[in-house]
């Protein structure tokens, strides 16, 4: 049991930064697929909750010191606004595990002014669906697709 928990820690931590790393590292660590799904969801939701509730504080206290003179209208910011206007919170939640990182998707959702409970709910639904999909796909096709060092 302790071995399974110790193997799960890197999967959890990597899922907080990039969602797809959770199922990939879970497969590489030979974790049970259900454990991989739960830990991947937990990793994404840890960063979603942290940035939903402490994102404003981080921006004002920490990031303000490093990025004082930041342009407001950059091509990257325009892409985020276009994404938000086109898809809304549901679309951002669906795209967060695929394209955005859990941190990037949460920051985009929080900066739009959406209610915190809605952000967490939509991100949880998205995390569950994509964790099951990626884990099943990687565990089923991983031996054919992934490089040898992951197996």
N, C-alpha and C. Protein backbone atom coordinates (compact mmCIF):
# COMPACT_ATOMS: atom_id res chain seq x y z
N UNK A 1 0.80 -1.18 0.00
CA UNK A 1 0.00 0.00 0.00
C UNK A 1 0.85 1.26 0.00
N UNK A 2 1.89 1.28 0.84
CA UNK A 2 2.76 2.46 0.90
C UNK A 2 3.50 2.66 -0.42
N UNK A 3 3.82 1.56 -1.06
CA UNK A 3 4.49 1.67 -2.36
C UNK A 3 3.59 2.35 -3.38
N UNK A 4 2.32 2.00 -3.38
CA UNK A 4 1.35 2.61 -4.29
C UNK A 4 1.18 4.10 -3.99
N UNK A 5 1.16 4.46 -2.73
CA UNK A 5 1.03 5.87 -2.34
C UNK A 5 2.27 6.65 -2.76
N UNK A 6 3.45 6.09 -2.54
CA UNK A 6 4.68 6.78 -2.93
C UNK A 6 4.80 6.93 -4.44
N UNK A 7 4.31 5.95 -5.18
CA UNK A 7 4.32 6.06 -6.64
C UNK A 7 3.31 7.10 -7.12
N UNK A 8 2.27 7.33 -6.34
CA UNK A 8 1.21 8.26 -6.73
C UNK A 8 1.61 9.72 -6.56
N UNK A 9 2.56 10.00 -5.70
CA UNK A 9 2.92 11.40 -5.42
C UNK A 9 3.44 12.12 -6.66
N UNK A 10 4.39 11.56 -7.43
CA UNK A 10 4.82 12.26 -8.65
C UNK A 10 3.71 12.41 -9.69
N UNK A 11 2.81 11.44 -9.74
CA UNK A 11 1.68 11.53 -10.67
C UNK A 11 0.77 12.69 -10.27
N UNK A 12 0.51 12.82 -8.99
CA UNK A 12 -0.30 13.91 -8.47
C UNK A 12 0.34 15.26 -8.76
N UNK A 13 1.62 15.38 -8.44
CA UNK A 13 2.31 16.66 -8.62
C UNK A 13 2.42 17.05 -10.10
N UNK A 14 2.66 16.09 -10.96
CA UNK A 14 2.76 16.41 -12.38
C UNK A 14 1.40 16.78 -12.96
N UNK A 15 0.33 16.22 -12.42
CA UNK A 15 -1.01 16.56 -12.89
C UNK A 15 -1.42 17.97 -12.51
N UNK A 16 -0.79 18.52 -11.49
CA UNK A 16 -1.10 19.90 -11.14
C UNK A 16 -0.55 20.87 -12.19
N UNK A 17 0.49 20.45 -12.88
CA UNK A 17 1.10 21.33 -13.89
C UNK A 17 0.61 21.04 -15.30
N UNK A 18 0.61 19.77 -15.69
CA UNK A 18 0.17 19.38 -17.03
C UNK A 18 -0.64 18.11 -16.90
N UNK A 19 -1.86 18.16 -17.32
CA UNK A 19 -2.83 17.09 -17.07
C UNK A 19 -2.42 15.75 -17.67
N UNK A 20 -1.95 15.74 -18.89
CA UNK A 20 -1.65 14.49 -19.61
C UNK A 20 -0.49 13.73 -18.95
N UNK A 21 0.33 14.43 -18.18
CA UNK A 21 1.44 13.75 -17.51
C UNK A 21 0.95 12.76 -16.45
N UNK A 22 -0.23 13.00 -15.88
CA UNK A 22 -0.76 12.10 -14.86
C UNK A 22 -0.98 10.68 -15.37
N UNK A 23 -1.81 10.51 -16.42
CA UNK A 23 -2.00 9.15 -16.93
C UNK A 23 -0.73 8.53 -17.50
N UNK A 24 0.11 9.35 -18.11
CA UNK A 24 1.35 8.81 -18.68
C UNK A 24 2.30 8.31 -17.59
N UNK A 25 2.49 9.11 -16.55
CA UNK A 25 3.37 8.69 -15.46
C UNK A 25 2.74 7.56 -14.63
N UNK A 26 1.42 7.56 -14.51
CA UNK A 26 0.75 6.45 -13.82
C UNK A 26 0.96 5.14 -14.54
N UNK A 27 0.89 5.19 -15.86
CA UNK A 27 1.17 3.99 -16.67
C UNK A 27 2.63 3.57 -16.51
N UNK A 28 3.53 4.54 -16.53
CA UNK A 28 4.96 4.25 -16.39
C UNK A 28 5.31 3.69 -15.02
N UNK A 29 4.58 4.15 -13.98
CA UNK A 29 4.82 3.67 -12.62
C UNK A 29 4.08 2.37 -12.33
N UNK A 30 3.33 1.88 -13.32
CA UNK A 30 2.56 0.65 -13.19
C UNK A 30 1.53 0.72 -12.05
N UNK A 31 0.88 1.89 -11.94
CA UNK A 31 -0.20 2.05 -10.99
C UNK A 31 -1.47 1.40 -11.56
N UNK A 32 -2.37 1.08 -10.69
CA UNK A 32 -3.67 0.58 -11.12
C UNK A 32 -4.38 1.72 -11.86
N UNK A 33 -5.12 1.42 -12.93
CA UNK A 33 -5.79 2.48 -13.68
C UNK A 33 -6.72 3.35 -12.83
N UNK A 34 -7.44 2.75 -11.89
CA UNK A 34 -8.34 3.52 -11.03
C UNK A 34 -7.55 4.49 -10.15
N UNK A 35 -6.41 4.03 -9.64
CA UNK A 35 -5.55 4.91 -8.85
C UNK A 35 -5.04 6.05 -9.70
N UNK A 36 -4.66 5.77 -10.93
CA UNK A 36 -4.18 6.80 -11.84
C UNK A 36 -5.27 7.84 -12.10
N UNK A 37 -6.48 7.39 -12.32
CA UNK A 37 -7.59 8.31 -12.57
C UNK A 37 -7.83 9.21 -11.36
N UNK A 38 -7.89 8.62 -10.18
CA UNK A 38 -8.17 9.39 -8.97
C UNK A 38 -7.05 10.40 -8.68
N UNK A 39 -5.81 9.97 -8.83
CA UNK A 39 -4.69 10.86 -8.53
C UNK A 39 -4.58 11.98 -9.58
N UNK A 40 -4.88 11.67 -10.83
CA UNK A 40 -4.84 12.69 -11.88
C UNK A 40 -5.92 13.74 -11.64
N UNK A 41 -7.11 13.30 -11.29
CA UNK A 41 -8.18 14.24 -10.97
C UNK A 41 -7.80 15.08 -9.76
N UNK A 42 -7.25 14.43 -8.75
CA UNK A 42 -6.83 15.15 -7.55
C UNK A 42 -5.76 16.19 -7.83
N UNK A 43 -4.81 15.87 -8.70
CA UNK A 43 -3.76 16.82 -9.03
C UNK A 43 -4.30 18.04 -9.76
N UNK A 44 -5.17 17.80 -10.73
CA UNK A 44 -5.74 18.95 -11.45
C UNK A 44 -6.60 19.79 -10.53
N UNK A 45 -7.41 19.14 -9.72
CA UNK A 45 -8.31 19.89 -8.86
C UNK A 45 -7.56 20.63 -7.75
N UNK A 46 -6.41 20.12 -7.34
CA UNK A 46 -5.61 20.85 -6.35
C UNK A 46 -5.16 22.19 -6.91
N UNK A 47 -4.68 22.19 -8.15
CA UNK A 47 -4.25 23.47 -8.73
C UNK A 47 -5.45 24.35 -9.06
N UNK A 48 -6.58 23.75 -9.47
CA UNK A 48 -7.78 24.55 -9.76
C UNK A 48 -8.26 25.25 -8.48
N UNK A 49 -8.37 24.51 -7.39
CA UNK A 49 -8.83 25.10 -6.14
C UNK A 49 -7.84 26.16 -5.64
N UNK A 50 -6.56 25.85 -5.71
CA UNK A 50 -5.56 26.80 -5.25
C UNK A 50 -5.61 28.10 -6.04
N UNK A 51 -5.68 28.01 -7.36
CA UNK A 51 -5.67 29.22 -8.16
C UNK A 51 -7.04 29.90 -8.19
N UNK A 52 -8.10 29.18 -7.91
CA UNK A 52 -9.42 29.82 -7.84
C UNK A 52 -9.52 30.68 -6.59
N UNK A 53 -9.06 30.15 -5.47
CA UNK A 53 -9.21 30.88 -4.22
C UNK A 53 -8.02 31.78 -3.88
N UNK A 54 -6.82 31.45 -4.35
CA UNK A 54 -5.66 32.25 -4.00
C UNK A 54 -5.02 32.93 -5.20
N UNK A 55 -5.65 32.85 -6.36
CA UNK A 55 -5.10 33.44 -7.58
C UNK A 55 -4.99 34.95 -7.52
N UNK A 56 -6.01 35.59 -6.98
CA UNK A 56 -5.99 37.05 -6.87
C UNK A 56 -4.88 37.50 -5.92
N UNK A 57 -4.74 36.80 -4.80
CA UNK A 57 -3.68 37.12 -3.85
C UNK A 57 -2.31 36.93 -4.49
N UNK A 58 -2.13 35.81 -5.22
CA UNK A 58 -0.87 35.56 -5.90
C UNK A 58 -0.54 36.67 -6.89
N UNK A 59 -1.55 37.11 -7.63
CA UNK A 59 -1.32 38.14 -8.64
C UNK A 59 -0.93 39.46 -8.00
N UNK A 60 -1.62 39.84 -6.94
CA UNK A 60 -1.35 41.14 -6.34
C UNK A 60 -0.08 41.14 -5.49
N UNK A 61 0.18 40.08 -4.77
CA UNK A 61 1.32 40.07 -3.84
C UNK A 61 2.62 39.57 -4.46
N UNK A 62 2.54 38.53 -5.26
CA UNK A 62 3.76 37.88 -5.74
C UNK A 62 4.12 38.33 -7.15
N UNK A 63 3.21 38.15 -8.09
CA UNK A 63 3.52 38.43 -9.49
C UNK A 63 3.70 39.92 -9.77
N UNK A 64 3.05 40.75 -8.99
CA UNK A 64 3.17 42.19 -9.19
C UNK A 64 4.62 42.65 -9.00
N UNK A 65 5.35 41.99 -8.14
CA UNK A 65 6.76 42.36 -7.90
C UNK A 65 7.65 42.04 -9.09
N UNK A 66 7.33 40.99 -9.83
CA UNK A 66 8.17 40.57 -10.94
C UNK A 66 7.75 41.20 -12.27
N UNK A 67 6.47 41.44 -12.44
CA UNK A 67 5.96 41.95 -13.71
C UNK A 67 5.22 43.27 -13.47
N UNK A 68 5.97 44.33 -13.24
CA UNK A 68 5.35 45.62 -12.94
C UNK A 68 4.77 46.29 -14.17
N UNK A 69 5.55 46.42 -15.23
CA UNK A 69 5.11 47.11 -16.43
C UNK A 69 4.73 46.10 -17.50
N UNK A 70 3.54 45.60 -17.39
CA UNK A 70 3.08 44.58 -18.32
C UNK A 70 2.07 45.18 -19.28
N UNK A 71 2.21 44.85 -20.55
CA UNK A 71 1.25 45.32 -21.54
C UNK A 71 -0.07 44.59 -21.36
N UNK A 72 -1.15 45.32 -21.57
CA UNK A 72 -2.47 44.72 -21.42
C UNK A 72 -2.95 44.09 -22.72
N UNK A 73 -2.61 44.66 -23.86
CA UNK A 73 -3.12 44.17 -25.14
C UNK A 73 -1.99 43.52 -25.92
N UNK A 74 -1.77 42.26 -25.63
CA UNK A 74 -0.77 41.48 -26.34
C UNK A 74 -1.50 40.44 -27.19
N UNK A 75 -0.84 39.89 -28.19
CA UNK A 75 -1.49 38.83 -28.98
C UNK A 75 -1.96 37.65 -28.13
N UNK A 76 -1.20 37.31 -27.11
CA UNK A 76 -1.58 36.19 -26.25
C UNK A 76 -2.85 36.52 -25.47
N UNK A 77 -2.93 37.74 -24.93
CA UNK A 77 -4.14 38.13 -24.21
C UNK A 77 -5.35 38.16 -25.13
N UNK A 78 -5.16 38.58 -26.36
CA UNK A 78 -6.27 38.61 -27.32
C UNK A 78 -6.76 37.20 -27.63
N UNK A 79 -5.83 36.23 -27.69
CA UNK A 79 -6.24 34.84 -27.92
C UNK A 79 -7.10 34.33 -26.77
N UNK A 80 -6.71 34.67 -25.54
CA UNK A 80 -7.49 34.25 -24.39
C UNK A 80 -8.89 34.87 -24.40
N UNK A 81 -8.97 36.14 -24.75
CA UNK A 81 -10.27 36.81 -24.80
C UNK A 81 -11.14 36.20 -25.90
N UNK A 82 -10.55 35.94 -27.05
CA UNK A 82 -11.29 35.32 -28.14
C UNK A 82 -11.79 33.92 -27.73
N UNK A 83 -10.94 33.16 -27.06
CA UNK A 83 -11.33 31.82 -26.57
C UNK A 83 -12.48 31.92 -25.60
N UNK A 84 -12.41 32.88 -24.68
CA UNK A 84 -13.47 33.04 -23.69
C UNK A 84 -14.78 33.45 -24.33
N UNK A 85 -14.72 34.41 -25.24
CA UNK A 85 -15.94 34.88 -25.89
C UNK A 85 -16.59 33.80 -26.74
N UNK A 86 -15.78 32.96 -27.35
CA UNK A 86 -16.31 31.93 -28.23
C UNK A 86 -16.90 30.75 -27.45
N UNK A 87 -16.25 30.31 -26.38
CA UNK A 87 -16.65 29.07 -25.71
C UNK A 87 -17.18 29.25 -24.29
N UNK A 88 -16.85 30.30 -23.60
CA UNK A 88 -17.32 30.51 -22.24
C UNK A 88 -16.64 29.58 -21.25
N UNK A 89 -17.21 29.51 -20.07
CA UNK A 89 -16.62 28.70 -19.00
C UNK A 89 -16.63 27.21 -19.34
N UNK A 90 -17.70 26.74 -19.94
CA UNK A 90 -17.78 25.31 -20.30
C UNK A 90 -16.68 24.94 -21.29
N UNK A 91 -16.49 25.77 -22.29
CA UNK A 91 -15.45 25.49 -23.29
C UNK A 91 -14.05 25.55 -22.71
N UNK A 92 -13.82 26.52 -21.83
CA UNK A 92 -12.51 26.62 -21.20
C UNK A 92 -12.26 25.40 -20.32
N UNK A 93 -13.28 24.95 -19.60
CA UNK A 93 -13.12 23.76 -18.76
C UNK A 93 -12.83 22.52 -19.60
N UNK A 94 -13.48 22.40 -20.74
CA UNK A 94 -13.25 21.25 -21.62
C UNK A 94 -11.85 21.31 -22.23
N UNK A 95 -11.41 22.51 -22.60
CA UNK A 95 -10.11 22.65 -23.25
C UNK A 95 -8.93 22.68 -22.27
N UNK A 96 -9.20 22.86 -20.99
CA UNK A 96 -8.10 22.97 -20.03
C UNK A 96 -7.20 21.73 -20.01
N UNK A 97 -7.71 20.50 -19.90
CA UNK A 97 -6.79 19.36 -19.91
C UNK A 97 -6.14 19.12 -21.28
N UNK A 98 -6.81 19.51 -22.34
CA UNK A 98 -6.29 19.25 -23.68
C UNK A 98 -5.22 20.25 -24.10
N UNK A 99 -5.54 21.51 -24.07
CA UNK A 99 -4.66 22.54 -24.63
C UNK A 99 -4.03 23.39 -23.53
N UNK A 100 -4.87 23.89 -22.65
CA UNK A 100 -4.39 24.73 -21.56
C UNK A 100 -3.87 23.83 -20.44
N UNK A 101 -3.15 24.40 -19.53
CA UNK A 101 -2.77 23.65 -18.33
C UNK A 101 -3.83 23.89 -17.28
N UNK A 102 -3.88 23.08 -16.22
CA UNK A 102 -4.85 23.37 -15.16
C UNK A 102 -4.69 24.77 -14.59
N UNK A 103 -3.46 25.24 -14.51
CA UNK A 103 -3.23 26.58 -13.99
C UNK A 103 -3.71 27.63 -14.99
N UNK A 104 -3.37 27.45 -16.26
CA UNK A 104 -3.76 28.42 -17.29
C UNK A 104 -5.27 28.51 -17.47
N UNK A 105 -5.94 27.37 -17.50
CA UNK A 105 -7.39 27.37 -17.64
C UNK A 105 -8.07 28.00 -16.45
N UNK A 106 -7.56 27.75 -15.26
CA UNK A 106 -8.15 28.33 -14.06
C UNK A 106 -7.94 29.84 -14.02
N UNK A 107 -6.76 30.28 -14.38
CA UNK A 107 -6.50 31.72 -14.39
C UNK A 107 -7.41 32.41 -15.41
N UNK A 108 -7.59 31.80 -16.56
CA UNK A 108 -8.49 32.36 -17.57
C UNK A 108 -9.93 32.41 -17.04
N UNK A 109 -10.38 31.37 -16.38
CA UNK A 109 -11.74 31.35 -15.85
C UNK A 109 -11.92 32.35 -14.71
N UNK A 110 -10.93 32.46 -13.84
CA UNK A 110 -11.02 33.40 -12.73
C UNK A 110 -10.98 34.85 -13.23
N UNK A 111 -10.13 35.11 -14.21
CA UNK A 111 -10.00 36.48 -14.70
C UNK A 111 -11.25 36.94 -15.44
N UNK A 112 -12.10 36.01 -15.85
CA UNK A 112 -13.34 36.39 -16.53
C UNK A 112 -14.42 36.79 -15.54
N UNK A 113 -14.21 36.51 -14.28
CA UNK A 113 -15.19 36.89 -13.27
C UNK A 113 -16.26 35.85 -13.00
N UNK A 114 -16.04 34.63 -13.41
CA UNK A 114 -17.01 33.56 -13.15
C UNK A 114 -17.06 33.23 -11.66
N UNK A 115 -18.20 32.78 -11.16
CA UNK A 115 -18.28 32.37 -9.75
C UNK A 115 -17.34 31.20 -9.46
N UNK A 116 -16.74 31.23 -8.31
CA UNK A 116 -15.74 30.22 -7.95
C UNK A 116 -16.33 28.81 -7.91
N UNK A 117 -17.54 28.68 -7.41
CA UNK A 117 -18.17 27.37 -7.33
C UNK A 117 -18.41 26.78 -8.71
N UNK A 118 -18.79 27.65 -9.66
CA UNK A 118 -19.02 27.18 -11.03
C UNK A 118 -17.71 26.74 -11.67
N UNK A 119 -16.65 27.49 -11.43
CA UNK A 119 -15.33 27.14 -11.99
C UNK A 119 -14.93 25.76 -11.49
N UNK A 120 -15.03 25.55 -10.19
CA UNK A 120 -14.62 24.27 -9.62
C UNK A 120 -15.51 23.14 -10.13
N UNK A 121 -16.81 23.37 -10.24
CA UNK A 121 -17.71 22.33 -10.72
C UNK A 121 -17.40 21.93 -12.16
N UNK A 122 -17.28 22.92 -13.05
CA UNK A 122 -17.02 22.61 -14.46
C UNK A 122 -15.64 21.99 -14.65
N UNK A 123 -14.66 22.45 -13.90
CA UNK A 123 -13.32 21.86 -14.01
C UNK A 123 -13.32 20.42 -13.47
N UNK A 124 -14.09 20.15 -12.44
CA UNK A 124 -14.17 18.79 -11.91
C UNK A 124 -14.80 17.84 -12.92
N UNK A 125 -15.88 18.26 -13.54
CA UNK A 125 -16.52 17.42 -14.56
C UNK A 125 -15.54 17.16 -15.71
N UNK A 126 -14.86 18.20 -16.15
CA UNK A 126 -13.89 18.05 -17.23
C UNK A 126 -12.74 17.13 -16.83
N UNK A 127 -12.25 17.30 -15.60
CA UNK A 127 -11.14 16.46 -15.13
C UNK A 127 -11.54 14.99 -15.06
N UNK A 128 -12.73 14.71 -14.60
CA UNK A 128 -13.19 13.32 -14.51
C UNK A 128 -13.29 12.70 -15.89
N UNK A 129 -13.94 13.41 -16.81
CA UNK A 129 -14.13 12.86 -18.16
C UNK A 129 -12.79 12.64 -18.85
N UNK A 130 -11.93 13.64 -18.83
CA UNK A 130 -10.65 13.52 -19.54
C UNK A 130 -9.69 12.55 -18.84
N UNK A 131 -9.74 12.46 -17.51
CA UNK A 131 -8.87 11.50 -16.82
C UNK A 131 -9.25 10.08 -17.18
N UNK A 132 -10.54 9.79 -17.22
CA UNK A 132 -10.98 8.45 -17.61
C UNK A 132 -10.58 8.17 -19.06
N UNK A 133 -10.83 9.13 -19.94
CA UNK A 133 -10.50 8.94 -21.36
C UNK A 133 -9.00 8.72 -21.57
N UNK A 134 -8.17 9.61 -21.02
CA UNK A 134 -6.73 9.49 -21.22
C UNK A 134 -6.17 8.24 -20.57
N UNK A 135 -6.63 7.92 -19.38
CA UNK A 135 -6.09 6.74 -18.68
C UNK A 135 -6.45 5.46 -19.42
N UNK A 136 -7.70 5.33 -19.83
CA UNK A 136 -8.11 4.14 -20.56
C UNK A 136 -7.34 4.03 -21.87
N UNK A 137 -7.20 5.16 -22.57
CA UNK A 137 -6.48 5.15 -23.85
C UNK A 137 -5.01 4.79 -23.65
N UNK A 138 -4.36 5.39 -22.67
CA UNK A 138 -2.93 5.14 -22.46
C UNK A 138 -2.70 3.71 -21.95
N UNK A 139 -3.55 3.22 -21.06
CA UNK A 139 -3.36 1.87 -20.55
C UNK A 139 -3.67 0.82 -21.61
N UNK A 140 -4.57 1.14 -22.53
CA UNK A 140 -4.92 0.19 -23.58
C UNK A 140 -3.92 0.20 -24.72
N UNK A 141 -3.48 1.40 -25.16
CA UNK A 141 -2.59 1.52 -26.30
C UNK A 141 -1.15 1.88 -25.93
N UNK A 142 -0.86 2.01 -24.64
CA UNK A 142 0.45 2.48 -24.22
C UNK A 142 1.61 1.61 -24.65
N UNK A 143 1.44 0.32 -24.63
CA UNK A 143 2.53 -0.58 -25.00
C UNK A 143 2.89 -0.44 -26.48
N UNK A 144 1.97 0.04 -27.31
CA UNK A 144 2.24 0.21 -28.74
C UNK A 144 2.77 1.60 -29.08
N UNK A 145 2.35 2.60 -28.33
CA UNK A 145 2.59 3.99 -28.72
C UNK A 145 3.72 4.65 -27.94
N UNK A 146 3.78 4.43 -26.63
CA UNK A 146 4.73 5.14 -25.79
C UNK A 146 6.13 4.60 -25.97
N UNK A 147 7.15 5.46 -25.76
CA UNK A 147 8.53 4.99 -25.88
C UNK A 147 8.87 3.98 -24.78
N UNK A 148 9.96 3.26 -24.98
CA UNK A 148 10.34 2.19 -24.06
C UNK A 148 10.64 2.69 -22.65
N UNK A 149 11.19 3.89 -22.49
CA UNK A 149 11.56 4.35 -21.17
C UNK A 149 10.34 4.67 -20.31
N UNK A 150 9.16 4.88 -20.90
CA UNK A 150 7.95 5.09 -20.13
C UNK A 150 7.37 3.77 -19.65
N UNK A 151 7.52 2.71 -20.47
CA UNK A 151 6.98 1.40 -20.13
C UNK A 151 7.75 0.84 -18.99
